[in-house]
């Protein structure tokens, strides 16, 4: 597919006529016709105007090789399971997948941001709990669980950690299945760090 076909495809996908695209973009009808007939190639301001009118980015118009790769998105989603080996890996691995394909693969940018926001939030919760656990609050917590320090008490202290891990695994698996089935993913809770 060449650039002229890409512009026409995006226009048709939006249900726009050439006249409406010309009106929305502020370009002349003749300019739109020349672009779609492969007589001229949009550059600079013309490209920006087309992108805005077509509700897309100039990169998506220029790079018509933006593909849909459900396998890559599924793998990106599963990469968050790296937290099982070390919590920060749940951020690093999806970050690598995201950086590599965020502009080249359809939905990779949105999915990557969602995973990263969720995993960063999860790590903050996990590390916050450990800070509380090993800070001055430990005496208060031990008073709550009793004076006897034994395996049962230590297990009780780590129940929130176990629950956080189970929740993270569950969210990742459910969202991976949604990505695989082309459904809308939801990684919650998530602090919006990447917008």
N, C-alpha and C. Protein backbone atom coordinates (compact mmCIF):
# COMPACT_ATOMS: atom_id res chain seq x y z
N UNK A 1 0.85 -1.19 0.00
CA UNK A 1 0.00 0.00 0.00
C UNK A 1 0.88 1.24 0.00
N UNK A 2 0.61 2.16 -0.92
CA UNK A 2 1.39 3.39 -0.93
C UNK A 2 0.67 4.48 -0.14
N UNK A 3 1.33 5.63 -0.06
CA UNK A 3 0.80 6.72 0.76
C UNK A 3 -0.58 7.19 0.31
N UNK A 4 -0.80 7.26 -0.99
CA UNK A 4 -2.10 7.71 -1.50
C UNK A 4 -3.20 6.74 -1.08
N UNK A 5 -2.90 5.44 -1.17
CA UNK A 5 -3.89 4.44 -0.76
C UNK A 5 -4.14 4.52 0.74
N UNK A 6 -3.09 4.82 1.51
CA UNK A 6 -3.22 4.92 2.97
C UNK A 6 -4.15 6.07 3.34
N UNK A 7 -3.97 7.21 2.71
CA UNK A 7 -4.84 8.36 3.00
C UNK A 7 -6.28 8.03 2.63
N UNK A 8 -6.47 7.42 1.48
CA UNK A 8 -7.81 7.05 1.05
C UNK A 8 -8.44 6.03 2.01
N UNK A 9 -7.63 5.06 2.44
CA UNK A 9 -8.15 4.04 3.38
C UNK A 9 -8.57 4.68 4.70
N UNK A 10 -7.74 5.57 5.23
CA UNK A 10 -8.08 6.24 6.48
C UNK A 10 -9.32 7.11 6.33
N UNK A 11 -9.43 7.79 5.18
CA UNK A 11 -10.61 8.63 4.92
C UNK A 11 -11.87 7.78 4.85
N UNK A 12 -11.80 6.67 4.12
CA UNK A 12 -12.97 5.79 3.98
C UNK A 12 -13.35 5.14 5.31
N UNK A 13 -12.33 4.79 6.08
CA UNK A 13 -12.59 4.18 7.39
C UNK A 13 -13.35 5.14 8.29
N UNK A 14 -13.10 6.43 8.12
CA UNK A 14 -13.81 7.46 8.89
C UNK A 14 -15.17 7.80 8.29
N UNK A 15 -15.45 7.25 7.09
CA UNK A 15 -16.72 7.53 6.43
C UNK A 15 -16.78 8.94 5.87
N UNK A 16 -15.64 9.46 5.48
CA UNK A 16 -15.57 10.84 4.98
C UNK A 16 -15.47 10.85 3.45
N UNK A 17 -16.09 11.85 2.87
CA UNK A 17 -15.91 12.07 1.43
C UNK A 17 -14.65 12.92 1.26
N UNK A 18 -14.18 13.02 0.02
CA UNK A 18 -13.03 13.88 -0.24
C UNK A 18 -13.36 15.33 0.11
N UNK A 19 -14.60 15.74 -0.18
CA UNK A 19 -15.02 17.10 0.12
C UNK A 19 -14.98 17.38 1.62
N UNK A 20 -15.48 16.43 2.40
CA UNK A 20 -15.50 16.61 3.85
C UNK A 20 -14.07 16.65 4.40
N UNK A 21 -13.21 15.77 3.89
CA UNK A 21 -11.81 15.77 4.32
C UNK A 21 -11.15 17.11 3.98
N UNK A 22 -11.44 17.64 2.81
CA UNK A 22 -10.89 18.94 2.41
C UNK A 22 -11.37 20.03 3.37
N UNK A 23 -12.65 19.98 3.70
CA UNK A 23 -13.22 20.98 4.60
C UNK A 23 -12.62 20.86 6.01
N UNK A 24 -12.55 19.62 6.52
CA UNK A 24 -12.04 19.38 7.88
C UNK A 24 -10.55 19.73 8.01
N UNK A 25 -9.80 19.48 6.95
CA UNK A 25 -8.36 19.71 7.00
C UNK A 25 -7.97 21.14 6.62
N UNK A 26 -8.88 21.85 5.97
CA UNK A 26 -8.56 23.19 5.50
C UNK A 26 -7.74 23.19 4.23
N UNK A 27 -7.69 22.03 3.57
CA UNK A 27 -6.97 21.90 2.30
C UNK A 27 -7.99 21.98 1.16
N UNK A 28 -7.50 22.24 -0.03
CA UNK A 28 -8.42 22.30 -1.16
C UNK A 28 -8.80 20.89 -1.60
N UNK A 29 -9.95 20.78 -2.22
CA UNK A 29 -10.41 19.49 -2.74
C UNK A 29 -9.40 18.96 -3.76
N UNK A 30 -8.86 19.86 -4.56
CA UNK A 30 -7.88 19.45 -5.58
C UNK A 30 -6.63 18.85 -4.93
N UNK A 31 -6.20 19.41 -3.78
CA UNK A 31 -5.04 18.87 -3.06
C UNK A 31 -5.33 17.45 -2.58
N UNK A 32 -6.52 17.23 -2.03
CA UNK A 32 -6.91 15.90 -1.57
C UNK A 32 -6.93 14.93 -2.75
N UNK A 33 -7.48 15.35 -3.85
CA UNK A 33 -7.54 14.50 -5.05
C UNK A 33 -6.14 14.16 -5.55
N UNK A 34 -5.23 15.14 -5.57
CA UNK A 34 -3.86 14.88 -6.02
C UNK A 34 -3.15 13.90 -5.09
N UNK A 35 -3.38 14.04 -3.80
CA UNK A 35 -2.75 13.12 -2.84
C UNK A 35 -3.28 11.70 -3.05
N UNK A 36 -4.59 11.56 -3.18
CA UNK A 36 -5.18 10.23 -3.33
C UNK A 36 -4.90 9.62 -4.71
N UNK A 37 -4.62 10.43 -5.70
CA UNK A 37 -4.27 9.92 -7.04
C UNK A 37 -2.77 9.73 -7.20
N UNK A 38 -2.04 9.90 -6.09
CA UNK A 38 -0.59 9.70 -6.06
C UNK A 38 0.13 10.70 -6.96
N UNK A 39 -0.45 11.90 -7.14
CA UNK A 39 0.17 12.94 -7.95
C UNK A 39 1.05 13.84 -7.09
N UNK A 40 0.78 13.86 -5.78
CA UNK A 40 1.63 14.63 -4.86
C UNK A 40 1.67 13.89 -3.51
N UNK A 41 2.69 14.22 -2.75
CA UNK A 41 2.88 13.56 -1.45
C UNK A 41 2.78 14.62 -0.36
N UNK A 42 1.91 14.41 0.63
CA UNK A 42 1.76 15.42 1.68
C UNK A 42 3.02 15.52 2.55
N UNK A 43 3.41 16.73 2.86
CA UNK A 43 4.56 16.97 3.72
C UNK A 43 4.22 18.10 4.68
N UNK A 44 4.97 18.19 5.74
CA UNK A 44 4.88 19.30 6.69
C UNK A 44 3.48 19.61 7.16
N UNK A 45 3.06 20.86 6.91
CA UNK A 45 1.77 21.35 7.37
C UNK A 45 0.60 20.58 6.75
N UNK A 46 0.73 20.20 5.49
CA UNK A 46 -0.33 19.43 4.83
C UNK A 46 -0.53 18.10 5.53
N UNK A 47 0.57 17.45 5.87
CA UNK A 47 0.51 16.16 6.56
C UNK A 47 -0.13 16.30 7.94
N UNK A 48 0.24 17.37 8.64
CA UNK A 48 -0.34 17.62 9.97
C UNK A 48 -1.85 17.83 9.87
N UNK A 49 -2.26 18.64 8.90
CA UNK A 49 -3.68 18.93 8.73
C UNK A 49 -4.47 17.65 8.40
N UNK A 50 -3.89 16.82 7.52
CA UNK A 50 -4.55 15.55 7.19
C UNK A 50 -4.68 14.67 8.43
N UNK A 51 -3.60 14.59 9.20
CA UNK A 51 -3.60 13.75 10.40
C UNK A 51 -4.66 14.21 11.39
N UNK A 52 -4.77 15.51 11.60
CA UNK A 52 -5.78 16.03 12.54
C UNK A 52 -7.18 15.73 12.02
N UNK A 53 -7.41 15.96 10.75
CA UNK A 53 -8.74 15.72 10.16
C UNK A 53 -9.11 14.23 10.19
N UNK A 54 -8.11 13.37 10.05
CA UNK A 54 -8.36 11.93 10.05
C UNK A 54 -8.25 11.32 11.45
N UNK A 55 -8.02 12.17 12.45
CA UNK A 55 -7.92 11.74 13.85
C UNK A 55 -6.86 10.65 14.01
N UNK A 56 -5.67 10.95 13.51
CA UNK A 56 -4.56 10.01 13.59
C UNK A 56 -3.28 10.81 13.73
N UNK A 57 -2.15 10.16 13.65
CA UNK A 57 -0.86 10.85 13.74
C UNK A 57 -0.21 10.89 12.36
N UNK A 58 0.65 11.87 12.13
CA UNK A 58 1.38 11.90 10.86
C UNK A 58 2.18 10.61 10.63
N UNK A 59 2.71 10.05 11.71
CA UNK A 59 3.48 8.80 11.59
C UNK A 59 2.63 7.67 11.05
N UNK A 60 1.37 7.61 11.50
CA UNK A 60 0.51 6.52 11.02
C UNK A 60 0.18 6.70 9.55
N UNK A 61 0.10 7.93 9.10
CA UNK A 61 -0.14 8.17 7.67
C UNK A 61 1.10 7.79 6.86
N UNK A 62 2.25 8.25 7.34
CA UNK A 62 3.49 7.97 6.62
C UNK A 62 3.91 6.51 6.70
N UNK A 63 3.77 5.95 7.90
CA UNK A 63 4.21 4.57 8.09
C UNK A 63 3.01 3.65 7.97
N UNK A 64 2.66 3.32 6.75
CA UNK A 64 1.48 2.50 6.51
C UNK A 64 1.75 1.04 6.84
N UNK A 65 2.94 0.77 7.38
CA UNK A 65 3.26 -0.59 7.78
C UNK A 65 2.86 -0.85 9.24
N UNK A 66 2.15 0.10 9.86
CA UNK A 66 1.69 -0.15 11.22
C UNK A 66 0.76 -1.36 11.16
N UNK A 67 1.14 -2.36 11.88
CA UNK A 67 0.45 -3.64 11.79
C UNK A 67 -0.33 -3.94 13.05
N UNK A 68 -1.15 -4.93 12.94
CA UNK A 68 -1.80 -5.49 14.11
C UNK A 68 -1.12 -6.82 14.37
N UNK A 69 -0.53 -6.96 15.53
CA UNK A 69 0.16 -8.18 15.88
C UNK A 69 -0.30 -8.62 17.26
N UNK A 70 -1.34 -9.43 17.26
CA UNK A 70 -1.93 -9.89 18.51
C UNK A 70 -0.93 -10.71 19.33
N UNK A 71 -0.05 -11.44 18.64
CA UNK A 71 0.96 -12.25 19.32
C UNK A 71 1.93 -11.40 20.11
N UNK A 72 2.38 -10.31 19.50
CA UNK A 72 3.32 -9.41 20.19
C UNK A 72 2.65 -8.75 21.39
N UNK A 73 1.41 -8.31 21.21
CA UNK A 73 0.68 -7.67 22.32
C UNK A 73 0.44 -8.65 23.46
N UNK A 74 0.15 -9.90 23.11
CA UNK A 74 -0.04 -10.93 24.13
C UNK A 74 1.27 -11.16 24.88
N UNK A 75 2.36 -11.24 24.15
CA UNK A 75 3.67 -11.44 24.77
C UNK A 75 4.04 -10.24 25.64
N UNK A 76 3.72 -9.03 25.17
CA UNK A 76 3.99 -7.83 25.97
C UNK A 76 3.22 -7.90 27.29
N UNK A 77 1.97 -8.33 27.21
CA UNK A 77 1.15 -8.45 28.41
C UNK A 77 1.72 -9.49 29.37
N UNK A 78 2.14 -10.62 28.82
CA UNK A 78 2.71 -11.68 29.67
C UNK A 78 4.07 -11.30 30.24
N UNK A 79 4.78 -10.40 29.59
CA UNK A 79 6.10 -10.00 30.08
C UNK A 79 6.04 -9.38 31.48
N UNK A 80 4.88 -8.87 31.83
CA UNK A 80 4.71 -8.30 33.18
C UNK A 80 4.86 -9.35 34.26
N UNK A 81 4.74 -10.63 33.90
CA UNK A 81 4.95 -11.70 34.88
C UNK A 81 6.40 -11.78 35.35
N UNK A 82 7.27 -10.99 34.75
CA UNK A 82 8.65 -10.92 35.20
C UNK A 82 8.76 -10.52 36.66
N UNK A 83 7.72 -9.90 37.20
CA UNK A 83 7.72 -9.51 38.62
C UNK A 83 7.88 -10.72 39.53
N UNK A 84 7.54 -11.90 39.04
CA UNK A 84 7.67 -13.11 39.85
C UNK A 84 9.13 -13.41 40.19
N UNK A 85 10.05 -13.01 39.32
CA UNK A 85 11.47 -13.23 39.57
C UNK A 85 12.07 -12.09 40.38
N UNK A 86 11.66 -10.88 40.07
CA UNK A 86 12.09 -9.70 40.81
C UNK A 86 11.06 -8.61 40.49
N UNK A 87 10.51 -7.94 41.51
CA UNK A 87 9.41 -7.00 41.27
C UNK A 87 9.66 -5.97 40.16
N UNK A 88 10.87 -5.44 40.06
CA UNK A 88 11.15 -4.41 39.06
C UNK A 88 11.13 -4.97 37.64
N UNK A 89 11.35 -6.28 37.48
CA UNK A 89 11.28 -6.89 36.15
C UNK A 89 9.88 -6.77 35.55
N UNK A 90 8.88 -6.70 36.41
CA UNK A 90 7.51 -6.50 35.95
C UNK A 90 7.32 -5.14 35.27
N UNK A 91 8.27 -4.23 35.50
CA UNK A 91 8.26 -2.92 34.84
C UNK A 91 9.23 -2.93 33.66
N UNK A 92 10.42 -3.46 33.88
CA UNK A 92 11.48 -3.39 32.85
C UNK A 92 11.11 -4.16 31.59
N UNK A 93 10.62 -5.38 31.72
CA UNK A 93 10.31 -6.18 30.53
C UNK A 93 9.20 -5.56 29.68
N UNK A 94 8.05 -5.17 30.26
CA UNK A 94 7.04 -4.50 29.43
C UNK A 94 7.55 -3.17 28.85
N UNK A 95 8.42 -2.47 29.59
CA UNK A 95 8.98 -1.21 29.09
C UNK A 95 9.79 -1.45 27.82
N UNK A 96 10.57 -2.51 27.81
CA UNK A 96 11.36 -2.85 26.62
C UNK A 96 10.44 -3.17 25.44
N UNK A 97 9.43 -4.02 25.69
CA UNK A 97 8.47 -4.36 24.63
C UNK A 97 7.78 -3.10 24.11
N UNK A 98 7.41 -2.21 25.02
CA UNK A 98 6.69 -0.98 24.66
C UNK A 98 7.57 -0.06 23.81
N UNK A 99 8.81 0.16 24.26
CA UNK A 99 9.72 1.05 23.54
C UNK A 99 9.99 0.54 22.12
N UNK A 100 10.13 -0.76 21.98
CA UNK A 100 10.45 -1.34 20.67
C UNK A 100 9.34 -1.17 19.64
N UNK A 101 8.08 -1.21 20.06
CA UNK A 101 6.98 -1.24 19.09
C UNK A 101 5.88 -0.21 19.31
N UNK A 102 6.07 0.74 20.23
CA UNK A 102 4.97 1.66 20.55
C UNK A 102 4.47 2.46 19.34
N UNK A 103 5.36 2.75 18.40
CA UNK A 103 4.95 3.52 17.22
C UNK A 103 4.77 2.66 15.98
N UNK A 104 5.08 1.41 16.09
CA UNK A 104 5.06 0.55 14.92
C UNK A 104 3.92 -0.47 14.92
N UNK A 105 3.28 -0.64 16.05
CA UNK A 105 2.27 -1.68 16.19
C UNK A 105 0.99 -1.09 16.76
N UNK A 106 -0.10 -1.40 16.13
CA UNK A 106 -1.39 -0.88 16.56
C UNK A 106 -1.70 -1.35 17.98
N UNK A 107 -2.12 -0.44 18.83
CA UNK A 107 -2.50 -0.67 20.24
C UNK A 107 -1.33 -0.94 21.16
N UNK A 108 -0.10 -1.00 20.66
CA UNK A 108 1.05 -1.27 21.53
C UNK A 108 1.30 -0.11 22.49
N UNK A 109 1.11 1.12 22.03
CA UNK A 109 1.35 2.28 22.87
C UNK A 109 0.38 2.31 24.05
N UNK A 110 -0.88 2.14 23.77
CA UNK A 110 -1.90 2.16 24.82
C UNK A 110 -1.71 1.01 25.81
N UNK A 111 -1.49 -0.20 25.30
CA UNK A 111 -1.31 -1.36 26.16
C UNK A 111 -0.06 -1.21 27.02
N UNK A 112 1.03 -0.77 26.41
CA UNK A 112 2.28 -0.59 27.16
C UNK A 112 2.12 0.38 28.31
N UNK A 113 1.47 1.51 28.04
CA UNK A 113 1.24 2.51 29.10
C UNK A 113 0.39 1.93 30.22
N UNK A 114 -0.64 1.19 29.86
CA UNK A 114 -1.52 0.60 30.88
C UNK A 114 -0.75 -0.39 31.76
N UNK A 115 0.04 -1.25 31.14
CA UNK A 115 0.81 -2.23 31.90
C UNK A 115 1.81 -1.52 32.81
N UNK A 116 2.53 -0.55 32.26
CA UNK A 116 3.54 0.15 33.05
C UNK A 116 2.93 0.91 34.23
N UNK A 117 1.82 1.59 33.99
CA UNK A 117 1.15 2.31 35.08
C UNK A 117 0.72 1.34 36.19
N UNK A 118 0.17 0.19 35.79
CA UNK A 118 -0.28 -0.80 36.76
C UNK A 118 0.91 -1.38 37.53
N UNK A 119 1.95 -1.78 36.83
CA UNK A 119 3.09 -2.42 37.49
C UNK A 119 3.84 -1.46 38.40
N UNK A 120 3.94 -0.19 38.01
CA UNK A 120 4.59 0.80 38.88
C UNK A 120 3.75 0.99 40.14
N UNK A 121 2.45 1.07 39.99
CA UNK A 121 1.55 1.20 41.14
C UNK A 121 1.69 -0.01 42.06
N UNK A 122 1.73 -1.20 41.46
CA UNK A 122 1.86 -2.43 42.24
C UNK A 122 3.18 -2.44 43.01
N UNK A 123 4.28 -2.06 42.36
CA UNK A 123 5.58 -2.03 43.04
C UNK A 123 5.58 -1.02 44.18
N UNK A 124 4.95 0.14 43.96
CA UNK A 124 4.87 1.12 45.03
C UNK A 124 4.11 0.57 46.24
N UNK A 125 3.01 -0.13 45.98
CA UNK A 125 2.26 -0.74 47.08
C UNK A 125 3.08 -1.79 47.81
N UNK A 126 3.78 -2.63 47.05
CA UNK A 126 4.60 -3.69 47.63
C UNK A 126 5.73 -3.11 48.47
N UNK A 127 6.46 -2.16 47.91
CA UNK A 127 7.58 -1.58 48.64
C UNK A 127 7.11 -0.75 49.83
N UNK A 128 5.97 -0.11 49.70
CA UNK A 128 5.40 0.64 50.83
C UNK A 128 5.08 -0.30 51.98
N UNK A 129 4.53 -1.45 51.65
CA UNK A 129 4.21 -2.41 52.71
C UNK A 129 5.49 -2.88 53.40
N UNK A 130 6.54 -3.15 52.64
CA UNK A 130 7.80 -3.58 53.25
C UNK A 130 8.41 -2.48 54.11
N UNK A 131 8.28 -1.23 53.67
CA UNK A 131 8.79 -0.12 54.47
C UNK A 131 8.04 -0.05 55.80
N UNK A 132 6.72 -0.18 55.73
CA UNK A 132 5.92 -0.18 56.95
C UNK A 132 6.26 -1.38 57.82
N UNK A 133 6.42 -2.51 57.21
CA UNK A 133 6.70 -3.76 57.93
C UNK A 133 8.01 -3.68 58.69
N UNK A 134 9.02 -3.11 58.07
CA UNK A 134 10.34 -3.09 58.70
C UNK A 134 10.69 -1.76 59.35
N UNK A 135 9.72 -0.89 59.48
CA UNK A 135 9.97 0.39 60.16
C UNK A 135 9.51 0.29 61.61
N UNK A 136 9.30 1.41 62.24
CA UNK A 136 8.88 1.44 63.63
C UNK A 136 7.51 0.85 63.87
N UNK A 137 6.73 0.66 62.80
CA UNK A 137 5.40 0.11 62.96
C UNK A 137 5.44 -1.39 63.25
N UNK A 138 6.61 -2.00 63.10
CA UNK A 138 6.72 -3.44 63.32
C UNK A 138 6.31 -3.82 64.74
N UNK A 139 6.70 -2.98 65.72
CA UNK A 139 6.32 -3.25 67.11
C UNK A 139 4.81 -3.21 67.30
N UNK A 140 4.16 -2.25 66.65
CA UNK A 140 2.70 -2.13 66.73
C UNK A 140 2.05 -3.35 66.09
N UNK A 141 2.57 -3.76 64.94
CA UNK A 141 2.02 -4.92 64.25
C UNK A 141 2.22 -6.17 65.07
N UNK A 142 3.40 -6.32 65.67
CA UNK A 142 3.69 -7.51 66.49
C UNK A 142 2.75 -7.54 67.71
N UNK A 143 2.46 -6.36 68.27
CA UNK A 143 1.52 -6.30 69.38
C UNK A 143 0.14 -6.78 68.96
N UNK A 144 -0.24 -6.49 67.72
CA UNK A 144 -1.53 -6.93 67.19
C UNK A 144 -1.58 -8.45 67.04
N UNK A 145 -0.48 -9.02 66.59
CA UNK A 145 -0.45 -10.47 66.36
C UNK A 145 -0.09 -11.27 67.60
N UNK A 146 0.32 -10.61 68.66
CA UNK A 146 0.69 -11.31 69.89
C UNK A 146 2.18 -11.20 70.14
N UNK A 147 2.57 -11.63 71.30
CA UNK A 147 3.97 -11.50 71.70
C UNK A 147 4.83 -12.64 71.19
N UNK A 148 4.23 -13.73 70.78
CA UNK A 148 5.00 -14.89 70.34
C UNK A 148 5.39 -14.70 68.88
N UNK A 149 6.69 -14.69 68.64
CA UNK A 149 7.17 -14.59 67.27
C UNK A 149 7.51 -15.99 66.79
N UNK A 150 6.74 -16.45 65.86
CA UNK A 150 6.96 -17.79 65.32
C UNK A 150 6.57 -17.83 63.86
N UNK A 151 6.61 -19.02 63.28
CA UNK A 151 6.28 -19.14 61.85
C UNK A 151 4.88 -18.65 61.51
N UNK A 152 3.92 -18.89 62.40
CA UNK A 152 2.55 -18.46 62.13
C UNK A 152 2.45 -16.94 62.10
N UNK A 153 3.14 -16.27 63.02
CA UNK A 153 3.12 -14.81 63.06
C UNK A 153 3.80 -14.23 61.83
N UNK A 154 4.91 -14.79 61.43
CA UNK A 154 5.62 -14.31 60.25
C UNK A 154 4.75 -14.51 59.00
N UNK A 155 4.06 -15.65 58.93
CA UNK A 155 3.17 -15.90 57.80
C UNK A 155 2.06 -14.85 57.76
N UNK A 156 1.51 -14.51 58.92
CA UNK A 156 0.46 -13.48 58.98
C UNK A 156 0.98 -12.14 58.46
N UNK A 157 2.25 -11.83 58.75
CA UNK A 157 2.82 -10.58 58.29
C UNK A 157 2.97 -10.56 56.77
N UNK A 158 3.15 -11.72 56.18
CA UNK A 158 3.37 -11.79 54.74
C UNK A 158 2.10 -12.08 53.94
N UNK A 159 0.97 -12.21 54.61
CA UNK A 159 -0.29 -12.42 53.90
C UNK A 159 -0.59 -11.28 52.92
N UNK A 160 -0.41 -10.00 53.30
CA UNK A 160 -0.65 -8.93 52.30
C UNK A 160 0.26 -9.05 51.08
N UNK A 161 1.50 -9.47 51.28
CA UNK A 161 2.43 -9.64 50.15
C UNK A 161 1.93 -10.75 49.24
N UNK A 162 1.52 -11.85 49.83
CA UNK A 162 1.00 -12.99 49.06
C UNK A 162 -0.24 -12.56 48.28
N UNK A 163 -1.12 -11.80 48.92
CA UNK A 163 -2.33 -11.31 48.24
C UNK A 163 -1.99 -10.35 47.09
N UNK A 164 -0.99 -9.49 47.30
CA UNK A 164 -0.56 -8.59 46.22
C UNK A 164 -0.03 -9.38 45.03
N UNK A 165 0.75 -10.41 45.28
CA UNK A 165 1.27 -11.24 44.19
C UNK A 165 0.14 -11.97 43.46
N UNK A 166 -0.79 -12.53 44.22
CA UNK A 166 -1.91 -13.24 43.59
C UNK A 166 -2.75 -12.27 42.75
N UNK A 167 -2.97 -11.08 43.26
CA UNK A 167 -3.75 -10.08 42.52
C UNK A 167 -3.04 -9.71 41.21
N UNK A 168 -1.74 -9.48 41.29
CA UNK A 168 -0.98 -9.10 40.10
C UNK A 168 -1.03 -10.21 39.04
N UNK A 169 -0.83 -11.43 39.46
CA UNK A 169 -0.89 -12.57 38.53
C UNK A 169 -2.27 -12.63 37.87
N UNK A 170 -3.31 -12.48 38.68
CA UNK A 170 -4.69 -12.56 38.18
C UNK A 170 -4.96 -11.46 37.15
N UNK A 171 -4.57 -10.22 37.47
CA UNK A 171 -4.80 -9.10 36.55
C UNK A 171 -4.05 -9.33 35.24
N UNK A 172 -2.81 -9.79 35.33
CA UNK A 172 -2.02 -10.01 34.11
C UNK A 172 -2.65 -11.10 33.25
N UNK A 173 -3.01 -12.22 33.86
CA UNK A 173 -3.59 -13.34 33.09
C UNK A 173 -4.92 -12.93 32.46
N UNK A 174 -5.80 -12.29 33.23
CA UNK A 174 -7.10 -11.88 32.68
C UNK A 174 -6.94 -10.89 31.54
N UNK A 175 -6.03 -9.93 31.69
CA UNK A 175 -5.83 -8.95 30.64
C UNK A 175 -5.12 -9.53 29.43
N UNK A 176 -4.25 -10.50 29.64
CA UNK A 176 -3.62 -11.18 28.51
C UNK A 176 -4.68 -11.91 27.68
N UNK A 177 -5.62 -12.54 28.35
CA UNK A 177 -6.71 -13.22 27.64
C UNK A 177 -7.56 -12.20 26.87
N UNK A 178 -7.81 -11.02 27.47
CA UNK A 178 -8.57 -9.98 26.78
C UNK A 178 -7.82 -9.48 25.55
N UNK A 179 -6.51 -9.28 25.68
CA UNK A 179 -5.71 -8.83 24.54
C UNK A 179 -5.75 -9.87 23.44
N UNK A 180 -5.63 -11.13 23.81
CA UNK A 180 -5.64 -12.22 22.83
C UNK A 180 -6.98 -12.28 22.09
N UNK A 181 -8.07 -11.95 22.79
CA UNK A 181 -9.40 -11.99 22.18
C UNK A 181 -9.81 -10.64 21.59
N UNK A 182 -8.87 -9.70 21.49
CA UNK A 182 -9.13 -8.35 20.96
C UNK A 182 -10.20 -7.60 21.74
N UNK A 183 -10.23 -7.80 23.05
CA UNK A 183 -11.16 -7.07 23.91
C UNK A 183 -10.40 -5.97 24.65
N UNK A 184 -11.14 -5.06 25.25
CA UNK A 184 -10.54 -3.93 25.97
C UNK A 184 -9.92 -4.41 27.27
N UNK A 185 -8.65 -4.06 27.48
CA UNK A 185 -7.95 -4.44 28.71
C UNK A 185 -8.18 -3.40 29.80
N UNK A 186 -8.06 -3.84 31.06
CA UNK A 186 -8.21 -2.94 32.21
C UNK A 186 -7.22 -3.33 33.28
N UNK A 187 -6.18 -2.55 33.40
CA UNK A 187 -5.19 -2.75 34.46
C UNK A 187 -5.48 -1.75 35.56
N UNK A 188 -6.10 -2.24 36.64
CA UNK A 188 -6.43 -1.36 37.76
C UNK A 188 -6.00 -2.01 39.06
N UNK A 189 -5.60 -1.26 40.05
CA UNK A 189 -5.45 0.20 40.09
C UNK A 189 -4.17 0.61 39.36
N UNK A 190 -4.14 1.84 38.91
CA UNK A 190 -2.96 2.35 38.22
C UNK A 190 -2.85 3.86 38.36
N UNK A 191 -1.71 4.30 38.85
CA UNK A 191 -1.41 5.72 38.90
C UNK A 191 -1.01 6.11 37.47
N UNK A 192 -1.61 7.16 36.95
CA UNK A 192 -1.35 7.58 35.57
C UNK A 192 0.00 8.29 35.46
N UNK A 193 1.06 7.52 35.35
CA UNK A 193 2.40 8.08 35.18
C UNK A 193 2.65 8.31 33.70
N UNK A 194 2.33 7.29 32.88
CA UNK A 194 2.41 7.41 31.43
C UNK A 194 1.02 7.74 30.92
N UNK A 195 0.86 8.89 30.28
CA UNK A 195 -0.47 9.30 29.80
C UNK A 195 -0.55 9.25 28.32
